[in-house]
């Protein structure tokens, strides 16, 4: 039998040093996709010549995209908004964002460094509690699934 998992046993830390110290993100939206990580390009590609010989290309681009979905009531919307605003100030205030997601039960370790918040989260307000989606693009994305030591 597989070990049960709960999202409560995951930790996501975001920082943009020196202006925004490391902070554990909370106030997640509901659903099965409140945190997503992906590489922006394939890691390996190939070409097959007319004679059927294949050449492999190892892509040096390790950029990635991390998506966070928070409830509108999460205090971390203000934290991410602050990071976006200091990054928008140009080279004087720009502080690269770093993200680390750790699955305490699964051993997953996902994150990236030297990134930026792509845009302010879209704002939706209405009768219920809405979600705000933040997209972070990082220069160096890594995912180690089940990497418990």
Protein backbone atom coordinates (compact mmCIF):
# COMPACT_ATOMS: atom_id res chain seq x y z
CA UNK A 1 0.00 0.00 0.00
CA UNK A 2 1.29 3.46 -0.88
CA UNK A 3 1.82 6.00 1.85
CA UNK A 4 -1.04 8.56 2.02
CA UNK A 5 -0.20 12.12 1.01
CA UNK A 6 -1.58 15.48 2.05
CA UNK A 7 -0.81 18.91 0.60
CA UNK A 8 -0.41 20.11 4.20
CA UNK A 9 2.85 18.14 4.20
CA UNK A 10 4.36 20.34 1.50
CA UNK A 11 6.37 23.51 1.96
CA UNK A 12 6.96 26.29 -0.55
CA UNK A 13 9.58 28.93 0.27
CA UNK A 14 9.97 32.11 -1.81
CA UNK A 15 12.63 34.79 -1.46
CA UNK A 16 13.99 37.76 -3.38
CA UNK A 17 17.09 38.65 -1.41
CA UNK A 18 18.12 41.08 -0.08
CA UNK A 19 14.79 42.95 -0.23
CA UNK A 20 12.36 40.10 0.43
CA UNK A 21 13.65 37.47 2.91
CA UNK A 22 12.60 33.83 2.63
CA UNK A 23 8.94 33.23 3.44
CA UNK A 24 6.77 30.11 3.60
CA UNK A 25 3.78 30.55 1.31
CA UNK A 26 0.32 29.80 2.73
CA UNK A 27 -3.32 30.38 1.92
CA UNK A 28 -3.46 28.01 -1.04
CA UNK A 29 -6.52 27.85 -3.29
CA UNK A 30 -8.48 24.62 -3.60
CA UNK A 31 -7.83 22.03 -6.30
CA UNK A 32 -5.28 19.55 -7.53
CA UNK A 33 -3.12 22.09 -9.37
CA UNK A 34 -2.37 24.82 -6.81
CA UNK A 35 1.36 24.37 -7.45
CA UNK A 36 2.76 23.47 -10.86
CA UNK A 37 6.30 23.38 -12.19
CA UNK A 38 7.56 22.82 -15.70
CA UNK A 39 10.57 23.33 -17.95
CA UNK A 40 9.99 25.87 -20.70
CA UNK A 41 11.75 23.75 -23.32
CA UNK A 42 12.49 20.07 -23.86
CA UNK A 43 15.73 18.94 -22.22
CA UNK A 44 16.75 16.77 -25.16
CA UNK A 45 15.82 16.89 -28.83
CA UNK A 46 16.87 15.03 -31.94
CA UNK A 47 17.18 15.22 -35.71
CA UNK A 48 17.05 12.25 -38.02
CA UNK A 49 18.89 12.54 -41.31
CA UNK A 50 17.75 11.22 -44.68
CA UNK A 51 19.84 8.09 -44.07
CA UNK A 52 18.04 7.37 -40.77
CA UNK A 53 20.97 8.38 -38.53
CA UNK A 54 19.85 10.30 -35.48
CA UNK A 55 21.70 13.11 -33.73
CA UNK A 56 20.86 14.08 -30.16
CA UNK A 57 20.97 17.67 -28.85
CA UNK A 58 21.24 18.36 -25.12
CA UNK A 59 19.49 21.67 -24.52
CA UNK A 60 21.39 24.09 -22.25
CA UNK A 61 18.19 26.05 -21.54
CA UNK A 62 17.08 25.11 -18.01
CA UNK A 63 14.49 27.88 -17.64
CA UNK A 64 11.25 26.92 -15.96
CA UNK A 65 7.81 28.14 -15.00
CA UNK A 66 6.31 27.80 -11.52
CA UNK A 67 2.61 28.50 -11.04
CA UNK A 68 1.10 29.21 -7.61
CA UNK A 69 -2.64 29.51 -6.96
CA UNK A 70 -3.58 31.25 -3.73
CA UNK A 71 -6.91 32.25 -2.21
CA UNK A 72 -7.62 35.98 -2.46
CA UNK A 73 -7.44 36.06 1.35
CA UNK A 74 -3.86 34.75 1.48
CA UNK A 75 -1.45 37.26 3.05
CA UNK A 76 1.16 36.04 0.57
CA UNK A 77 -0.59 37.82 -2.31
CA UNK A 78 0.75 41.04 -0.78
CA UNK A 79 4.23 39.49 -0.42
CA UNK A 80 4.31 38.41 -4.09
CA UNK A 81 2.88 41.78 -5.14
CA UNK A 82 5.73 43.47 -3.23
CA UNK A 83 8.36 41.35 -5.01
CA UNK A 84 6.77 42.18 -8.37
CA UNK A 85 6.85 45.89 -7.54
CA UNK A 86 10.52 45.90 -6.52
CA UNK A 87 11.43 43.93 -9.63
CA UNK A 88 9.60 46.51 -11.73
CA UNK A 89 11.82 49.26 -10.33
CA UNK A 90 14.63 48.31 -12.69
CA UNK A 91 18.22 47.43 -11.95
CA UNK A 92 18.33 49.55 -8.78
CA UNK A 93 15.71 47.48 -6.92
CA UNK A 94 15.55 44.27 -8.97
CA UNK A 95 15.97 41.25 -6.69
CA UNK A 96 15.88 37.83 -8.39
CA UNK A 97 13.27 35.49 -7.00
CA UNK A 98 14.15 32.01 -5.70
CA UNK A 99 11.59 29.26 -5.11
CA UNK A 100 11.82 25.89 -3.34
CA UNK A 101 8.94 23.41 -3.06
CA UNK A 102 9.55 20.46 -0.76
CA UNK A 103 7.19 17.48 -0.50
CA UNK A 104 7.75 16.20 3.02
CA UNK A 105 5.93 12.90 2.41
CA UNK A 106 6.84 12.27 -1.23
CA UNK A 107 10.38 13.62 -1.07
CA UNK A 108 9.77 15.83 -4.10
CA UNK A 109 12.09 18.81 -4.38
CA UNK A 110 11.16 21.35 -7.05
CA UNK A 111 12.44 24.84 -7.51
CA UNK A 112 14.29 27.46 -9.38
CA UNK A 113 16.62 30.39 -8.96
CA UNK A 114 17.30 33.75 -10.57
CA UNK A 115 13.73 34.43 -11.61
CA UNK A 116 11.01 37.02 -11.84
CA UNK A 117 7.26 37.29 -11.41
CA UNK A 118 5.86 37.41 -14.93
CA UNK A 119 2.94 39.76 -14.14
CA UNK A 120 0.59 40.74 -11.37
CA UNK A 121 -2.00 38.10 -10.60
CA UNK A 122 -5.32 38.66 -12.32
CA UNK A 123 -7.89 39.93 -9.84
CA UNK A 124 -11.34 38.38 -9.60
CA UNK A 125 -13.81 39.36 -6.92
CA UNK A 126 -17.36 38.21 -6.44
CA UNK A 127 -19.72 36.33 -4.19
CA UNK A 128 -17.25 33.65 -3.13
CA UNK A 129 -13.55 33.40 -2.35
CA UNK A 130 -11.59 33.59 -5.58
CA UNK A 131 -8.08 32.50 -6.41
CA UNK A 132 -5.10 34.52 -7.56
CA UNK A 133 -2.59 32.87 -9.86
CA UNK A 134 1.08 33.88 -9.80
CA UNK A 135 3.54 32.80 -12.51
CA UNK A 136 7.24 32.83 -11.73
CA UNK A 137 9.81 32.31 -14.50
CA UNK A 138 13.21 31.07 -13.32
CA UNK A 139 16.55 30.78 -15.10
CA UNK A 140 17.47 27.43 -13.57
CA UNK A 141 14.58 25.02 -12.87
CA UNK A 142 15.13 21.64 -11.25
CA UNK A 143 12.74 18.88 -10.24
CA UNK A 144 13.80 15.86 -8.21
CA UNK A 145 10.77 13.64 -7.70
CA UNK A 146 10.78 11.26 -4.77
CA UNK A 147 14.21 12.52 -3.75
CA UNK A 148 13.86 11.67 -0.06
CA UNK A 149 17.21 10.79 1.42
